[in-house]
Amino acid sequence: VTNWDPSHGNYVFLNTTAAGVAAQREKLETGRLTA
């Protein structure tokens, strides 16, 4: 949930990929990328 622009309210983003972040981390053997 972000509050980038008070005049527009909050933005909500939902990761809709098949595997969640936790499940993806278990598969990462050679590297990890975060932002």
PDB file of all heavy atoms in Angstrom:
ATOM      1  N   VAL A   1       0.871  -1.168   0.000  1.00  0.00           N
ATOM      2  CA  VAL A   1       0.000   0.000   0.000  1.00  0.00           C
ATOM      3  C   VAL A   1       0.907   1.216   0.000  1.00  0.00           C
ATOM      4  O   VAL A   1       1.827   1.312   0.793  1.00  0.00           O
ATOM      5  CB  VAL A   1      -0.911   0.017   1.248  1.00  0.00           C
ATOM      6  CG1 VAL A   1      -1.774   1.260   1.250  1.00  0.00           C
ATOM      7  CG2 VAL A   1      -1.757  -1.237   1.310  1.00  0.00           C
ATOM      8  N   THR A   2       0.653   2.125  -0.911  1.00  0.00           N
ATOM      9  CA  THR A   2       1.487   3.313  -1.003  1.00  0.00           C
ATOM     10  C   THR A   2       0.633   4.560  -0.869  1.00  0.00           C
ATOM     11  O   THR A   2      -0.569   4.521  -1.025  1.00  0.00           O
ATOM     12  CB  THR A   2       2.217   3.360  -2.355  1.00  0.00           C
ATOM     13  OG1 THR A   2       1.232   3.487  -3.389  1.00  0.00           O
ATOM     14  CG2 THR A   2       3.052   2.128  -2.580  1.00  0.00           C
ATOM     15  N   ASN A   3       1.262   5.650  -0.616  1.00  0.00           N
ATOM     16  CA  ASN A   3       0.579   6.929  -0.556  1.00  0.00           C
ATOM     17  C   ASN A   3       1.383   7.929  -1.379  1.00  0.00           C
ATOM     18  O   ASN A   3       1.915   8.899  -0.871  1.00  0.00           O
ATOM     19  CB  ASN A   3       0.443   7.398   0.899  1.00  0.00           C
ATOM     20  CG  ASN A   3      -0.523   8.554   1.012  1.00  0.00           C
ATOM     21  OD1 ASN A   3      -1.230   8.864   0.056  1.00  0.00           O
ATOM     22  ND2 ASN A   3      -0.549   9.192   2.160  1.00  0.00           N
ATOM     23  N   TRP A   4       1.483   7.657  -2.665  1.00  0.00           N
ATOM     24  CA  TRP A   4       2.302   8.484  -3.547  1.00  0.00           C
ATOM     25  C   TRP A   4       1.700   9.863  -3.743  1.00  0.00           C
ATOM     26  O   TRP A   4       2.385  10.843  -3.847  1.00  0.00           O
ATOM     27  CB  TRP A   4       2.473   7.811  -4.903  1.00  0.00           C
ATOM     28  CG  TRP A   4       3.335   6.608  -4.844  1.00  0.00           C
ATOM     29  CD1 TRP A   4       2.930   5.317  -4.886  1.00  0.00           C
ATOM     30  CD2 TRP A   4       4.747   6.567  -4.709  1.00  0.00           C
ATOM     31  NE1 TRP A   4       4.005   4.475  -4.781  1.00  0.00           N
ATOM     32  CE2 TRP A   4       5.134   5.216  -4.675  1.00  0.00           C
ATOM     33  CE3 TRP A   4       5.732   7.526  -4.612  1.00  0.00           C
ATOM     34  CZ2 TRP A   4       6.447   4.818  -4.562  1.00  0.00           C
ATOM     35  CZ3 TRP A   4       7.050   7.125  -4.503  1.00  0.00           C
ATOM     36  CH2 TRP A   4       7.390   5.792  -4.471  1.00  0.00           C
ATOM     37  N   ASP A   5       0.377   9.956  -3.842  1.00  0.00           N
ATOM     38  CA  ASP A   5      -0.264  11.221  -4.143  1.00  0.00           C
ATOM     39  C   ASP A   5      -1.497  11.383  -3.261  1.00  0.00           C
ATOM     40  O   ASP A   5      -2.515  10.741  -3.508  1.00  0.00           O
ATOM     41  CB  ASP A   5      -0.650  11.262  -5.613  1.00  0.00           C
ATOM     42  CG  ASP A   5      -1.148  12.630  -6.039  1.00  0.00           C
ATOM     43  OD1 ASP A   5      -1.406  13.479  -5.167  1.00  0.00           O
ATOM     44  OD2 ASP A   5      -1.274  12.859  -7.250  1.00  0.00           O
ATOM     45  N   PRO A   6      -1.430  12.233  -2.235  1.00  0.00           N
ATOM     46  CA  PRO A   6      -2.559  12.378  -1.316  1.00  0.00           C
ATOM     47  C   PRO A   6      -3.863  12.776  -2.019  1.00  0.00           C
ATOM     48  O   PRO A   6      -4.939  12.440  -1.559  1.00  0.00           O
ATOM     49  CB  PRO A   6      -2.103  13.464  -0.345  1.00  0.00           C
ATOM     50  CG  PRO A   6      -0.618  13.454  -0.419  1.00  0.00           C
ATOM     51  CD  PRO A   6      -0.284  13.046  -1.828  1.00  0.00           C
ATOM     52  N   SER A   7      -3.789  13.499  -3.134  1.00  0.00           N
ATOM     53  CA  SER A   7      -5.013  13.911  -3.821  1.00  0.00           C
ATOM     54  C   SER A   7      -5.721  12.741  -4.495  1.00  0.00           C
ATOM     55  O   SER A   7      -6.908  12.819  -4.788  1.00  0.00           O
ATOM     56  CB  SER A   7      -4.712  14.997  -4.859  1.00  0.00           C
ATOM     57  OG  SER A   7      -3.919  14.461  -5.901  1.00  0.00           O
ATOM     58  N   HIS A   8      -5.015  11.659  -4.744  1.00  0.00           N
ATOM     59  CA  HIS A   8      -5.611  10.481  -5.379  1.00  0.00           C
ATOM     60  C   HIS A   8      -5.821   9.337  -4.397  1.00  0.00           C
ATOM     61  O   HIS A   8      -6.349   8.304  -4.756  1.00  0.00           O
ATOM     62  CB  HIS A   8      -4.727   9.983  -6.534  1.00  0.00           C
ATOM     63  CG  HIS A   8      -4.700  10.907  -7.708  1.00  0.00           C
ATOM     64  ND1 HIS A   8      -4.088  12.129  -7.654  1.00  0.00           N
ATOM     65  CD2 HIS A   8      -5.224  10.795  -8.945  1.00  0.00           C
ATOM     66  CE1 HIS A   8      -4.219  12.731  -8.821  1.00  0.00           C
ATOM     67  NE2 HIS A   8      -4.909  11.948  -9.615  1.00  0.00           N
ATOM     68  N   GLY A   9      -5.344   9.475  -3.172  1.00  0.00           N
ATOM     69  CA  GLY A   9      -5.484   8.405  -2.188  1.00  0.00           C
ATOM     70  C   GLY A   9      -4.376   7.377  -2.311  1.00  0.00           C
ATOM     71  O   GLY A   9      -3.370   7.588  -2.969  1.00  0.00           O
ATOM     72  N   ASN A  10      -4.560   6.255  -1.659  1.00  0.00           N
ATOM     73  CA  ASN A  10      -3.560   5.187  -1.659  1.00  0.00           C
ATOM     74  C   ASN A  10      -3.712   4.282  -2.862  1.00  0.00           C
ATOM     75  O   ASN A  10      -4.808   4.087  -3.371  1.00  0.00           O
ATOM     76  CB  ASN A  10      -3.690   4.327  -0.398  1.00  0.00           C
ATOM     77  CG  ASN A  10      -3.257   5.066   0.832  1.00  0.00           C
ATOM     78  OD1 ASN A  10      -2.441   5.964   0.772  1.00  0.00           O
ATOM     79  ND2 ASN A  10      -3.810   4.695   1.966  1.00  0.00           N
ATOM     80  N   TYR A  11      -2.612   3.712  -3.294  1.00  0.00           N
ATOM     81  CA  TYR A  11      -2.609   2.707  -4.334  1.00  0.00           C
ATOM     82  C   TYR A  11      -2.330   1.361  -3.675  1.00  0.00           C
ATOM     83  O   TYR A  11      -1.471   1.260  -2.814  1.00  0.00           O
ATOM     84  CB  TYR A  11      -1.517   2.976  -5.376  1.00  0.00           C
ATOM     85  CG  TYR A  11      -1.716   4.259  -6.129  1.00  0.00           C
ATOM     86  CD1 TYR A  11      -1.011   5.403  -5.784  1.00  0.00           C
ATOM     87  CD2 TYR A  11      -2.608   4.325  -7.192  1.00  0.00           C
ATOM     88  CE1 TYR A  11      -1.185   6.584  -6.470  1.00  0.00           C
ATOM     89  CE2 TYR A  11      -2.791   5.504  -7.892  1.00  0.00           C
ATOM     90  CZ  TYR A  11      -2.081   6.630  -7.526  1.00  0.00           C
ATOM     91  OH  TYR A  11      -2.257   7.789  -8.202  1.00  0.00           O
ATOM     92  N   VAL A  12      -3.024   0.334  -4.076  1.00  0.00           N
ATOM     93  CA  VAL A  12      -2.803  -0.999  -3.540  1.00  0.00           C
ATOM     94  C   VAL A  12      -2.387  -1.899  -4.693  1.00  0.00           C
ATOM     95  O   VAL A  12      -3.036  -1.932  -5.735  1.00  0.00           O
ATOM     96  CB  VAL A  12      -4.080  -1.571  -2.876  1.00  0.00           C
ATOM     97  CG1 VAL A  12      -3.832  -2.980  -2.380  1.00  0.00           C
ATOM     98  CG2 VAL A  12      -4.520  -0.683  -1.743  1.00  0.00           C
ATOM     99  N   PHE A  13      -1.279  -2.624  -4.525  1.00  0.00           N
ATOM    100  CA  PHE A  13      -0.785  -3.541  -5.540  1.00  0.00           C
ATOM    101  C   PHE A  13      -0.751  -4.936  -4.948  1.00  0.00           C
ATOM    102  O   PHE A  13      -0.251  -5.138  -3.856  1.00  0.00           O
ATOM    103  CB  PHE A  13       0.622  -3.139  -5.994  1.00  0.00           C
ATOM    104  CG  PHE A  13       0.669  -1.755  -6.561  1.00  0.00           C
ATOM    105  CD1 PHE A  13       1.042  -0.685  -5.779  1.00  0.00           C
ATOM    106  CD2 PHE A  13       0.304  -1.519  -7.867  1.00  0.00           C
ATOM    107  CE1 PHE A  13       1.070   0.595  -6.280  1.00  0.00           C
ATOM    108  CE2 PHE A  13       0.324  -0.247  -8.389  1.00  0.00           C
ATOM    109  CZ  PHE A  13       0.705   0.813  -7.600  1.00  0.00           C
ATOM    110  N   LEU A  14      -1.270  -5.887  -5.665  1.00  0.00           N
ATOM    111  CA  LEU A  14      -1.291  -7.272  -5.213  1.00  0.00           C
ATOM    112  C   LEU A  14      -0.520  -8.123  -6.204  1.00  0.00           C
ATOM    113  O   LEU A  14      -0.793  -8.102  -7.402  1.00  0.00           O
ATOM    114  CB  LEU A  14      -2.733  -7.773  -5.106  1.00  0.00           C
ATOM    115  CG  LEU A  14      -2.903  -9.236  -4.698  1.00  0.00           C
ATOM    116  CD1 LEU A  14      -2.330  -9.464  -3.303  1.00  0.00           C
ATOM    117  CD2 LEU A  14      -4.371  -9.604  -4.718  1.00  0.00           C
ATOM    118  N   ASN A  15       0.453  -8.863  -5.709  1.00  0.00           N
ATOM    119  CA  ASN A  15       1.204  -9.785  -6.547  1.00  0.00           C
ATOM    120  C   ASN A  15       0.307 -10.973  -6.856  1.00  0.00           C
ATOM    121  O   ASN A  15      -0.076 -11.716  -5.965  1.00  0.00           O
ATOM    122  CB  ASN A  15       2.467 -10.238  -5.799  1.00  0.00           C
ATOM    123  CG  ASN A  15       3.322 -11.161  -6.620  1.00  0.00           C
ATOM    124  OD1 ASN A  15       2.943 -11.587  -7.710  1.00  0.00           O
ATOM    125  ND2 ASN A  15       4.491 -11.469  -6.108  1.00  0.00           N
ATOM    126  N   THR A  16      -0.030 -11.155  -8.115  1.00  0.00           N
ATOM    127  CA  THR A  16      -0.944 -12.226  -8.503  1.00  0.00           C
ATOM    128  C   THR A  16      -0.236 -13.366  -9.217  1.00  0.00           C
ATOM    129  O   THR A  16      -0.874 -14.161  -9.901  1.00  0.00           O
ATOM    130  CB  THR A  16      -2.067 -11.676  -9.403  1.00  0.00           C
ATOM    131  OG1 THR A  16      -1.465 -11.064 -10.551  1.00  0.00           O
ATOM    132  CG2 THR A  16      -2.913 -10.665  -8.660  1.00  0.00           C
ATOM    133  N   THR A  17       1.075 -13.453  -9.072  1.00  0.00           N
ATOM    134  CA  THR A  17       1.792 -14.558  -9.698  1.00  0.00           C
ATOM    135  C   THR A  17       1.422 -15.864  -9.014  1.00  0.00           C
ATOM    136  O   THR A  17       0.950 -15.883  -7.883  1.00  0.00           O
ATOM    137  CB  THR A  17       3.319 -14.346  -9.613  1.00  0.00           C
ATOM    138  OG1 THR A  17       3.672 -14.181  -8.247  1.00  0.00           O
ATOM    139  CG2 THR A  17       3.748 -13.137 -10.423  1.00  0.00           C
ATOM    140  N   ALA A  18       1.648 -16.972  -9.711  1.00  0.00           N
ATOM    141  CA  ALA A  18       1.254 -18.282  -9.186  1.00  0.00           C
ATOM    142  C   ALA A  18       1.942 -18.604  -7.866  1.00  0.00           C
ATOM    143  O   ALA A  18       1.343 -19.148  -6.961  1.00  0.00           O
ATOM    144  CB  ALA A  18       1.552 -19.358 -10.214  1.00  0.00           C
ATOM    145  N   ALA A  19       3.228 -18.276  -7.762  1.00  0.00           N
ATOM    146  CA  ALA A  19       3.972 -18.550  -6.527  1.00  0.00           C
ATOM    147  C   ALA A  19       4.233 -17.246  -5.801  1.00  0.00           C
ATOM    148  O   ALA A  19       4.598 -16.254  -6.413  1.00  0.00           O
ATOM    149  CB  ALA A  19       5.295 -19.237  -6.851  1.00  0.00           C
ATOM    150  N   GLY A  20       4.031 -17.222  -4.514  1.00  0.00           N
ATOM    151  CA  GLY A  20       4.296 -16.038  -3.726  1.00  0.00           C
ATOM    152  C   GLY A  20       5.786 -15.809  -3.574  1.00  0.00           C
ATOM    153  O   GLY A  20       6.605 -16.635  -3.977  1.00  0.00           O
ATOM    154  N   VAL A  21       6.147 -14.702  -2.980  1.00  0.00           N
ATOM    155  CA  VAL A  21       7.550 -14.365  -2.800  1.00  0.00           C
ATOM    156  C   VAL A  21       8.278 -15.421  -1.988  1.00  0.00           C
ATOM    157  O   VAL A  21       9.372 -15.836  -2.314  1.00  0.00           O
ATOM    158  CB  VAL A  21       7.681 -12.979  -2.144  1.00  0.00           C
ATOM    159  CG1 VAL A  21       9.117 -12.679  -1.781  1.00  0.00           C
ATOM    160  CG2 VAL A  21       7.128 -11.913  -3.060  1.00  0.00           C
ATOM    161  N   ALA A  22       7.664 -15.903  -0.912  1.00  0.00           N
ATOM    162  CA  ALA A  22       8.319 -16.900  -0.055  1.00  0.00           C
ATOM    163  C   ALA A  22       8.610 -18.179  -0.830  1.00  0.00           C
ATOM    164  O   ALA A  22       9.684 -18.757  -0.704  1.00  0.00           O
ATOM    165  CB  ALA A  22       7.451 -17.202   1.160  1.00  0.00           C
ATOM    166  N   ALA A  23       7.666 -18.631  -1.646  1.00  0.00           N
ATOM    167  CA  ALA A  23       7.880 -19.851  -2.425  1.00  0.00           C
ATOM    168  C   ALA A  23       8.965 -19.647  -3.464  1.00  0.00           C
ATOM    169  O   ALA A  23       9.758 -20.537  -3.731  1.00  0.00           O
ATOM    170  CB  ALA A  23       6.581 -20.281  -3.095  1.00  0.00           C
ATOM    171  N   GLN A  24       9.033 -18.461  -4.066  1.00  0.00           N
ATOM    172  CA  GLN A  24      10.056 -18.200  -5.072  1.00  0.00           C
ATOM    173  C   GLN A  24      11.440 -18.189  -4.455  1.00  0.00           C
ATOM    174  O   GLN A  24      12.387 -18.660  -5.062  1.00  0.00           O
ATOM    175  CB  GLN A  24       9.779 -16.871  -5.762  1.00  0.00           C
ATOM    176  CG  GLN A  24       8.594 -16.922  -6.697  1.00  0.00           C
ATOM    177  CD  GLN A  24       8.334 -15.580  -7.361  1.00  0.00           C
ATOM    178  OE1 GLN A  24       9.044 -14.605  -7.108  1.00  0.00           O
ATOM    179  NE2 GLN A  24       7.327 -15.535  -8.195  1.00  0.00           N
ATOM    180  N   ARG A  25      11.594 -17.668  -3.236  1.00  0.00           N
ATOM    181  CA  ARG A  25      12.912 -17.602  -2.611  1.00  0.00           C
ATOM    182  C   ARG A  25      13.500 -18.992  -2.393  1.00  0.00           C
ATOM    183  O   ARG A  25      14.689 -19.179  -2.454  1.00  0.00           O
ATOM    184  CB  ARG A  25      12.827 -16.862  -1.284  1.00  0.00           C
ATOM    185  CG  ARG A  25      12.757 -15.395  -1.468  1.00  0.00           C
ATOM    186  CD  ARG A  25      12.922 -14.678  -0.167  1.00  0.00           C
ATOM    187  NE  ARG A  25      12.865 -13.251  -0.402  1.00  0.00           N
ATOM    188  CZ  ARG A  25      12.391 -12.386   0.460  1.00  0.00           C
ATOM    189  NH1 ARG A  25      11.961 -12.786   1.624  1.00  0.00           N
ATOM    190  NH2 ARG A  25      12.366 -11.108   0.170  1.00  0.00           N
ATOM    191  N   GLU A  26      12.650 -19.984  -2.118  1.00  0.00           N
ATOM    192  CA  GLU A  26      13.154 -21.333  -1.900  1.00  0.00           C
ATOM    193  C   GLU A  26      13.771 -21.903  -3.166  1.00  0.00           C
ATOM    194  O   GLU A  26      14.686 -22.704  -3.110  1.00  0.00           O
ATOM    195  CB  GLU A  26      12.017 -22.231  -1.418  1.00  0.00           C
ATOM    196  CG  GLU A  26      11.532 -21.879  -0.022  1.00  0.00           C
ATOM    197  CD  GLU A  26      10.308 -22.673   0.379  1.00  0.00           C
ATOM    198  OE1 GLU A  26       9.907 -23.578  -0.384  1.00  0.00           O
ATOM    199  OE2 GLU A  26       9.740 -22.387   1.436  1.00  0.00           O
ATOM    200  N   LYS A  27      13.265 -21.500  -4.343  1.00  0.00           N
ATOM    201  CA  LYS A  27      13.759 -22.028  -5.605  1.00  0.00           C
ATOM    202  C   LYS A  27      15.052 -21.358  -6.055  1.00  0.00           C
ATOM    203  O   LYS A  27      15.735 -21.867  -6.910  1.00  0.00           O
ATOM    204  CB  LYS A  27      12.705 -21.842  -6.701  1.00  0.00           C
ATOM    205  CG  LYS A  27      11.478 -22.702  -6.520  1.00  0.00           C
ATOM    206  CD  LYS A  27      10.631 -22.648  -7.759  1.00  0.00           C
ATOM    207  CE  LYS A  27       9.671 -21.509  -7.684  1.00  0.00           C
ATOM    208  NZ  LYS A  27       8.778 -21.403  -8.833  1.00  0.00           N
ATOM    209  N   LEU A  28      15.379 -20.186  -5.499  1.00  0.00           N
ATOM    210  CA  LEU A  28      16.533 -19.447  -5.958  1.00  0.00           C
ATOM    211  C   LEU A  28      17.814 -20.044  -5.390  1.00  0.00           C
ATOM    212  O   LEU A  28      18.097 -19.902  -4.221  1.00  0.00           O
ATOM    213  CB  LEU A  28      16.419 -17.975  -5.552  1.00  0.00           C
ATOM    214  CG  LEU A  28      15.163 -17.267  -6.026  1.00  0.00           C
ATOM    215  CD1 LEU A  28      15.169 -15.835  -5.537  1.00  0.00           C
ATOM    216  CD2 LEU A  28      15.050 -17.313  -7.527  1.00  0.00           C
ATOM    217  N   GLU A  29      18.558 -20.691  -6.244  1.00  0.00           N
ATOM    218  CA  GLU A  29      19.797 -21.303  -5.787  1.00  0.00           C
ATOM    219  C   GLU A  29      21.008 -20.488  -6.210  1.00  0.00           C
ATOM    220  O   GLU A  29      21.996 -20.452  -5.516  1.00  0.00           O
ATOM    221  CB  GLU A  29      19.899 -22.719  -6.345  1.00  0.00           C
ATOM    222  CG  GLU A  29      18.802 -23.627  -5.838  1.00  0.00           C
ATOM    223  CD  GLU A  29      18.808 -24.963  -6.539  1.00  0.00           C
ATOM    224  OE1 GLU A  29      19.643 -25.159  -7.429  1.00  0.00           O
ATOM    225  OE2 GLU A  29      17.975 -25.808  -6.200  1.00  0.00           O
ATOM    226  N   THR A  30      20.930 -19.858  -7.378  1.00  0.00           N
ATOM    227  CA  THR A  30      22.100 -19.188  -7.912  1.00  0.00           C
ATOM    228  C   THR A  30      22.132 -17.699  -7.641  1.00  0.00           C
ATOM    229  O   THR A  30      23.162 -17.080  -7.790  1.00  0.00           O
ATOM    230  CB  THR A  30      22.185 -19.412  -9.431  1.00  0.00           C
ATOM    231  OG1 THR A  30      20.963 -18.953 -10.014  1.00  0.00           O
ATOM    232  CG2 THR A  30      22.402 -20.860  -9.750  1.00  0.00           C
ATOM    233  N   GLY A  31      21.013 -17.087  -7.257  1.00  0.00           N
ATOM    234  CA  GLY A  31      21.029 -15.661  -6.994  1.00  0.00           C
ATOM    235  C   GLY A  31      19.705 -15.156  -6.492  1.00  0.00           C
ATOM    236  O   GLY A  31      18.683 -15.812  -6.613  1.00  0.00           O
ATOM    237  N   ARG A  32      19.763 -13.958  -5.931  1.00  0.00           N
ATOM    238  CA  ARG A  32      18.552 -13.324  -5.428  1.00  0.00           C
ATOM    239  C   ARG A  32      18.567 -11.861  -5.842  1.00  0.00           C
ATOM    240  O   ARG A  32      19.608 -11.205  -5.832  1.00  0.00           O
ATOM    241  CB  ARG A  32      18.489 -13.433  -3.911  1.00  0.00           C
ATOM    242  CG  ARG A  32      17.171 -12.921  -3.354  1.00  0.00           C
ATOM    243  CD  ARG A  32      17.109 -13.073  -1.859  1.00  0.00           C
ATOM    244  NE  ARG A  32      18.078 -12.150  -1.279  1.00  0.00           N
ATOM    245  CZ  ARG A  32      18.745 -12.382  -0.172  1.00  0.00           C
ATOM    246  NH1 ARG A  32      18.573 -13.499   0.482  1.00  0.00           N
ATOM    247  NH2 ARG A  32      19.605 -11.509   0.294  1.00  0.00           N
ATOM    248  N   LEU A  33      17.395 -11.359  -6.182  1.00  0.00           N
ATOM    249  CA  LEU A  33      17.243  -9.997  -6.641  1.00  0.00           C
ATOM    250  C   LEU A  33      16.151  -9.333  -5.814  1.00  0.00           C
ATOM    251  O   LEU A  33      15.069  -9.893  -5.662  1.00  0.00           O
ATOM    252  CB  LEU A  33      16.855 -10.027  -8.122  1.00  0.00           C
ATOM    253  CG  LEU A  33      16.774  -8.739  -8.912  1.00  0.00           C
ATOM    254  CD1 LEU A  33      18.131  -8.055  -8.972  1.00  0.00           C
ATOM    255  CD2 LEU A  33      16.300  -9.047 -10.326  1.00  0.00           C
ATOM    256  N   THR A  34      16.438  -8.160  -5.236  1.00  0.00           N
ATOM    257  CA  THR A  34      15.440  -7.411  -4.485  1.00  0.00           C
ATOM    258  C   THR A  34      15.450  -5.972  -4.981  1.00  0.00           C
ATOM    259  O   THR A  34      16.415  -5.529  -5.614  1.00  0.00           O
ATOM    260  CB  THR A  34      15.713  -7.448  -2.970  1.00  0.00           C
ATOM    261  OG1 THR A  34      17.052  -7.015  -2.720  1.00  0.00           O
ATOM    262  CG2 THR A  34      15.523  -8.843  -2.409  1.00  0.00           C
ATOM    263  N   ALA A  35      14.370  -5.240  -4.697  1.00  0.00           N
ATOM    264  CA  ALA A  35      14.249  -3.864  -5.193  1.00  0.00           C
ATOM    265  C   ALA A  35      13.678  -2.960  -4.112  1.00  0.00           C
ATOM    266  O   ALA A  35      12.845  -3.375  -3.316  1.00  0.00           O
ATOM    267  CB  ALA A  35      13.346  -3.841  -6.423  1.00  0.00           C
TER     268      ALA A  35
END
